[in-house]
């Protein structure tokens, strides 16, 4: 079993995306957050699920897809760090994953 740790940037990303969805449909925003959390919980028992990031095939980072978003994470010493969440249509910037890690409280 792996411990899943949400970093602050990922929490802020999820909150921002949910707030945007809620502008049109609050119920859809709640459902989206529930789908993300359900998918991320799978990492506890299956930390290697997800795919390598196509833009960074040699990277230690992986991604889970929960339409319309990509959840970026990495595995280190039995822990899975949720680093960022981005909408799929946003251009991927490798520097996104170079930001200092801040564990969420």
N, C-alpha and C. Protein backbone atom coordinates (compact mmCIF):
# COMPACT_ATOMS: atom_id res chain seq x y z
N UNK A 1 0.83 -1.19 0.00
CA UNK A 1 0.00 0.00 0.00
C UNK A 1 0.87 1.25 0.00
N UNK A 2 0.47 2.21 -0.77
CA UNK A 2 1.20 3.47 -0.85
C UNK A 2 0.42 4.56 -0.13
N UNK A 3 1.14 5.49 0.40
CA UNK A 3 0.52 6.67 0.99
C UNK A 3 0.37 7.71 -0.12
N UNK A 4 -0.81 8.29 -0.24
CA UNK A 4 -1.05 9.34 -1.24
C UNK A 4 -0.98 10.69 -0.54
N UNK A 5 -0.14 11.56 -1.08
CA UNK A 5 0.06 12.89 -0.50
C UNK A 5 -0.28 13.92 -1.57
N UNK A 6 -1.23 14.76 -1.24
CA UNK A 6 -1.61 15.86 -2.14
C UNK A 6 -0.70 17.04 -1.85
N UNK A 7 -0.02 17.53 -2.85
CA UNK A 7 0.76 18.74 -2.69
C UNK A 7 -0.16 19.95 -2.88
N UNK A 8 0.20 21.03 -2.26
CA UNK A 8 -0.66 22.22 -2.28
C UNK A 8 -1.02 22.68 -3.70
N UNK A 9 -0.08 22.70 -4.64
CA UNK A 9 -0.46 23.12 -6.00
C UNK A 9 -1.57 22.25 -6.60
N UNK A 10 -1.56 20.95 -6.33
CA UNK A 10 -2.59 20.06 -6.86
C UNK A 10 -3.94 20.36 -6.22
N UNK A 11 -3.94 20.60 -4.92
CA UNK A 11 -5.19 20.95 -4.25
C UNK A 11 -5.77 22.25 -4.81
N UNK A 12 -4.91 23.22 -5.02
CA UNK A 12 -5.36 24.50 -5.58
C UNK A 12 -5.88 24.32 -7.00
N UNK A 13 -5.20 23.49 -7.79
CA UNK A 13 -5.65 23.20 -9.16
C UNK A 13 -7.05 22.60 -9.14
N UNK A 14 -7.27 21.60 -8.29
CA UNK A 14 -8.56 20.93 -8.23
C UNK A 14 -9.65 21.92 -7.81
N UNK A 15 -9.36 22.73 -6.83
CA UNK A 15 -10.32 23.72 -6.37
C UNK A 15 -10.67 24.71 -7.49
N UNK A 16 -9.66 25.18 -8.20
CA UNK A 16 -9.89 26.14 -9.29
C UNK A 16 -10.72 25.53 -10.41
N UNK A 17 -10.43 24.31 -10.79
CA UNK A 17 -11.17 23.64 -11.86
C UNK A 17 -12.62 23.42 -11.42
N UNK A 18 -12.81 22.98 -10.18
CA UNK A 18 -14.17 22.75 -9.67
C UNK A 18 -14.96 24.05 -9.62
N UNK A 19 -14.32 25.13 -9.20
CA UNK A 19 -15.01 26.42 -9.16
C UNK A 19 -15.42 26.87 -10.56
N UNK A 20 -14.58 26.63 -11.54
CA UNK A 20 -14.90 26.99 -12.92
C UNK A 20 -16.10 26.18 -13.42
N UNK A 21 -16.09 24.88 -13.18
CA UNK A 21 -17.21 24.02 -13.60
C UNK A 21 -18.49 24.46 -12.89
N UNK A 22 -18.38 24.82 -11.61
CA UNK A 22 -19.54 25.19 -10.81
C UNK A 22 -20.23 26.47 -11.30
N UNK A 23 -19.50 27.28 -12.04
CA UNK A 23 -20.13 28.49 -12.58
C UNK A 23 -21.35 28.14 -13.44
N UNK A 24 -21.26 27.02 -14.16
CA UNK A 24 -22.37 26.58 -15.01
C UNK A 24 -23.21 25.49 -14.36
N UNK A 25 -22.56 24.63 -13.55
CA UNK A 25 -23.28 23.45 -13.05
C UNK A 25 -22.63 22.96 -11.75
N UNK A 26 -23.11 23.45 -10.60
CA UNK A 26 -22.52 23.03 -9.32
C UNK A 26 -22.55 21.51 -9.10
N UNK A 27 -23.60 20.86 -9.54
CA UNK A 27 -23.67 19.40 -9.38
C UNK A 27 -22.58 18.71 -10.19
N UNK A 28 -22.32 19.20 -11.38
CA UNK A 28 -21.26 18.62 -12.22
C UNK A 28 -19.89 18.84 -11.58
N UNK A 29 -19.71 19.98 -10.93
CA UNK A 29 -18.44 20.24 -10.24
C UNK A 29 -18.24 19.24 -9.11
N UNK A 30 -19.29 19.00 -8.33
CA UNK A 30 -19.19 18.02 -7.24
C UNK A 30 -18.91 16.62 -7.77
N UNK A 31 -19.55 16.28 -8.87
CA UNK A 31 -19.35 14.95 -9.47
C UNK A 31 -17.93 14.82 -10.00
N UNK A 32 -17.41 15.87 -10.60
CA UNK A 32 -16.04 15.84 -11.10
C UNK A 32 -15.05 15.62 -9.96
N UNK A 33 -15.19 16.38 -8.88
CA UNK A 33 -14.29 16.22 -7.73
C UNK A 33 -14.38 14.80 -7.19
N UNK A 34 -15.57 14.25 -7.09
CA UNK A 34 -15.75 12.88 -6.60
C UNK A 34 -15.02 11.88 -7.51
N UNK A 35 -15.11 12.09 -8.83
CA UNK A 35 -14.41 11.19 -9.77
C UNK A 35 -12.90 11.28 -9.62
N UNK A 36 -12.39 12.49 -9.44
CA UNK A 36 -10.94 12.67 -9.24
C UNK A 36 -10.50 11.97 -7.97
N UNK A 37 -11.21 12.19 -6.88
CA UNK A 37 -10.82 11.58 -5.61
C UNK A 37 -10.90 10.06 -5.67
N UNK A 38 -11.92 9.53 -6.33
CA UNK A 38 -12.05 8.08 -6.48
C UNK A 38 -10.87 7.51 -7.27
N UNK A 39 -10.52 8.18 -8.35
CA UNK A 39 -9.41 7.72 -9.19
C UNK A 39 -8.08 7.78 -8.43
N UNK A 40 -7.85 8.87 -7.71
CA UNK A 40 -6.61 9.03 -6.95
C UNK A 40 -6.52 7.97 -5.85
N UNK A 41 -7.65 7.62 -5.23
CA UNK A 41 -7.62 6.58 -4.19
C UNK A 41 -7.12 5.24 -4.72
N UNK A 42 -7.30 5.00 -6.00
CA UNK A 42 -6.78 3.76 -6.59
C UNK A 42 -5.27 3.65 -6.44
N UNK A 43 -4.60 4.79 -6.35
CA UNK A 43 -3.14 4.80 -6.22
C UNK A 43 -2.66 4.19 -4.91
N UNK A 44 -3.53 4.12 -3.91
CA UNK A 44 -3.15 3.53 -2.63
C UNK A 44 -2.76 2.07 -2.84
N UNK A 45 -3.58 1.33 -3.55
CA UNK A 45 -3.31 -0.09 -3.79
C UNK A 45 -2.58 -0.36 -5.10
N UNK A 46 -2.62 0.60 -6.01
CA UNK A 46 -2.01 0.41 -7.34
C UNK A 46 -1.22 1.67 -7.72
N UNK A 47 -0.12 1.93 -7.03
CA UNK A 47 0.59 3.19 -7.26
C UNK A 47 1.16 3.37 -8.67
N UNK A 48 1.28 2.30 -9.43
CA UNK A 48 1.87 2.42 -10.76
C UNK A 48 0.83 2.52 -11.88
N UNK A 49 -0.44 2.69 -11.50
CA UNK A 49 -1.43 2.88 -12.57
C UNK A 49 -1.20 4.24 -13.19
N UNK A 50 -1.79 4.43 -14.31
CA UNK A 50 -1.57 5.67 -15.05
C UNK A 50 -0.51 5.44 -16.10
N UNK A 51 -0.31 6.45 -16.89
CA UNK A 51 0.65 6.34 -17.99
C UNK A 51 1.78 7.33 -17.80
N UNK A 52 2.85 7.09 -18.50
CA UNK A 52 3.92 8.07 -18.52
C UNK A 52 3.42 9.27 -19.32
N UNK A 53 3.94 10.41 -19.02
CA UNK A 53 3.52 11.64 -19.69
C UNK A 53 4.13 11.66 -21.08
N UNK A 54 3.32 11.70 -22.14
CA UNK A 54 3.87 11.63 -23.49
C UNK A 54 4.92 12.70 -23.77
N UNK A 55 4.75 13.89 -23.21
CA UNK A 55 5.70 14.96 -23.44
C UNK A 55 7.02 14.73 -22.70
N UNK A 56 7.02 13.83 -21.71
CA UNK A 56 8.22 13.54 -20.90
C UNK A 56 8.37 12.03 -20.70
N UNK A 57 8.63 11.28 -21.76
CA UNK A 57 8.62 9.82 -21.64
C UNK A 57 9.67 9.25 -20.68
N UNK A 58 10.74 9.96 -20.42
CA UNK A 58 11.79 9.45 -19.54
C UNK A 58 11.67 10.01 -18.12
N UNK A 59 10.56 10.62 -17.81
CA UNK A 59 10.38 11.29 -16.53
C UNK A 59 9.94 10.32 -15.44
N UNK A 60 10.12 10.73 -14.20
CA UNK A 60 9.63 9.96 -13.05
C UNK A 60 8.15 10.23 -12.82
N UNK A 61 7.56 11.15 -13.54
CA UNK A 61 6.17 11.51 -13.38
C UNK A 61 5.26 10.64 -14.23
N UNK A 62 4.05 10.44 -13.73
CA UNK A 62 3.02 9.70 -14.44
C UNK A 62 1.76 10.55 -14.45
N UNK A 63 0.75 10.09 -15.16
CA UNK A 63 -0.50 10.83 -15.20
C UNK A 63 -1.68 9.88 -15.14
N UNK A 64 -2.73 10.35 -14.53
CA UNK A 64 -4.03 9.71 -14.58
C UNK A 64 -4.93 10.65 -15.36
N UNK A 65 -5.83 10.09 -16.12
CA UNK A 65 -6.76 10.90 -16.89
C UNK A 65 -8.14 10.78 -16.25
N UNK A 66 -8.70 11.90 -15.90
CA UNK A 66 -10.09 11.98 -15.45
C UNK A 66 -10.66 13.15 -16.25
N UNK A 67 -11.30 12.79 -17.37
CA UNK A 67 -11.76 13.80 -18.30
C UNK A 67 -12.50 14.93 -17.61
N UNK A 68 -12.18 16.14 -17.95
CA UNK A 68 -11.26 16.59 -19.00
C UNK A 68 -9.86 16.93 -18.48
N UNK A 69 -9.41 16.24 -17.44
CA UNK A 69 -8.15 16.64 -16.80
C UNK A 69 -7.10 15.53 -16.75
N UNK A 70 -5.88 15.99 -16.55
CA UNK A 70 -4.73 15.10 -16.35
C UNK A 70 -4.22 15.34 -14.92
N UNK A 71 -4.05 14.27 -14.18
CA UNK A 71 -3.55 14.34 -12.81
C UNK A 71 -2.11 13.87 -12.84
N UNK A 72 -1.18 14.77 -12.54
CA UNK A 72 0.24 14.45 -12.58
C UNK A 72 0.70 14.01 -11.19
N UNK A 73 1.43 12.90 -11.15
CA UNK A 73 1.91 12.39 -9.88
C UNK A 73 3.25 11.69 -10.06
N UNK A 74 3.92 11.48 -8.93
CA UNK A 74 5.18 10.74 -8.95
C UNK A 74 5.20 9.81 -7.75
N UNK A 75 6.00 8.76 -7.86
CA UNK A 75 6.13 7.75 -6.81
C UNK A 75 7.54 7.85 -6.24
N UNK A 76 7.62 7.96 -4.93
CA UNK A 76 8.92 7.99 -4.26
C UNK A 76 8.82 7.30 -2.92
N UNK A 77 9.63 6.28 -2.72
CA UNK A 77 9.75 5.61 -1.43
C UNK A 77 8.40 5.22 -0.83
N UNK A 78 7.56 4.57 -1.60
CA UNK A 78 6.28 4.10 -1.11
C UNK A 78 5.21 5.17 -0.96
N UNK A 79 5.48 6.35 -1.46
CA UNK A 79 4.53 7.44 -1.40
C UNK A 79 4.21 7.92 -2.81
N UNK A 80 2.96 8.30 -3.01
CA UNK A 80 2.55 8.86 -4.29
C UNK A 80 2.21 10.32 -4.03
N UNK A 81 2.90 11.19 -4.73
CA UNK A 81 2.69 12.62 -4.58
C UNK A 81 1.83 13.12 -5.74
N UNK A 82 0.67 13.69 -5.41
CA UNK A 82 -0.17 14.31 -6.42
C UNK A 82 0.36 15.73 -6.58
N UNK A 83 0.91 16.02 -7.76
CA UNK A 83 1.67 17.25 -7.96
C UNK A 83 0.82 18.37 -8.56
N UNK A 84 0.10 18.09 -9.63
CA UNK A 84 -0.72 19.09 -10.32
C UNK A 84 -1.87 18.42 -11.02
N UNK A 85 -2.88 19.20 -11.30
CA UNK A 85 -4.01 18.77 -12.13
C UNK A 85 -4.21 19.86 -13.18
N UNK A 86 -4.29 19.45 -14.41
CA UNK A 86 -4.47 20.41 -15.51
C UNK A 86 -5.54 19.91 -16.46
N UNK A 87 -6.28 20.85 -17.01
CA UNK A 87 -7.23 20.48 -18.05
C UNK A 87 -6.45 19.98 -19.27
N UNK A 88 -6.99 18.99 -19.93
CA UNK A 88 -6.29 18.34 -21.04
C UNK A 88 -5.99 19.28 -22.19
N UNK A 89 -6.84 20.27 -22.41
CA UNK A 89 -6.61 21.16 -23.55
C UNK A 89 -5.53 22.21 -23.28
N UNK A 90 -5.10 22.35 -22.03
CA UNK A 90 -4.03 23.29 -21.74
C UNK A 90 -2.71 22.73 -22.25
N UNK A 91 -1.88 23.60 -22.80
CA UNK A 91 -0.57 23.18 -23.24
C UNK A 91 0.25 22.73 -22.04
N UNK A 92 0.94 21.62 -22.19
CA UNK A 92 1.77 21.10 -21.12
C UNK A 92 3.11 21.83 -21.10
N UNK A 93 3.51 22.29 -19.95
CA UNK A 93 4.81 22.93 -19.77
C UNK A 93 5.63 22.06 -18.83
N UNK A 94 6.74 21.51 -19.26
CA UNK A 94 7.55 20.68 -18.37
C UNK A 94 7.95 21.40 -17.08
N UNK A 95 8.10 22.72 -17.13
CA UNK A 95 8.47 23.47 -15.94
C UNK A 95 7.40 23.38 -14.85
N UNK A 96 6.19 23.02 -15.23
CA UNK A 96 5.11 22.84 -14.28
C UNK A 96 5.51 21.84 -13.19
N UNK A 97 6.25 20.84 -13.56
CA UNK A 97 6.61 19.79 -12.62
C UNK A 97 7.91 20.09 -11.87
N UNK A 98 8.54 21.20 -12.17
CA UNK A 98 9.79 21.57 -11.51
C UNK A 98 9.58 22.50 -10.32
N UNK A 99 8.33 22.86 -10.04
CA UNK A 99 8.05 23.78 -8.95
C UNK A 99 8.37 23.11 -7.62
N UNK A 100 8.73 23.90 -6.61
CA UNK A 100 9.01 23.31 -5.30
C UNK A 100 7.77 22.61 -4.77
N UNK A 101 7.97 21.45 -4.14
CA UNK A 101 6.87 20.69 -3.57
C UNK A 101 6.47 21.28 -2.23
N UNK A 102 5.19 21.40 -2.06
CA UNK A 102 4.65 21.85 -0.78
C UNK A 102 3.52 20.88 -0.43
N UNK A 103 3.69 20.13 0.63
CA UNK A 103 2.66 19.18 1.03
C UNK A 103 1.46 19.95 1.56
N UNK A 104 0.28 19.47 1.19
CA UNK A 104 -0.94 20.10 1.67
C UNK A 104 -1.15 19.76 3.14
N UNK A 105 -1.77 20.66 3.84
CA UNK A 105 -2.00 20.39 5.25
C UNK A 105 -3.37 19.82 5.49
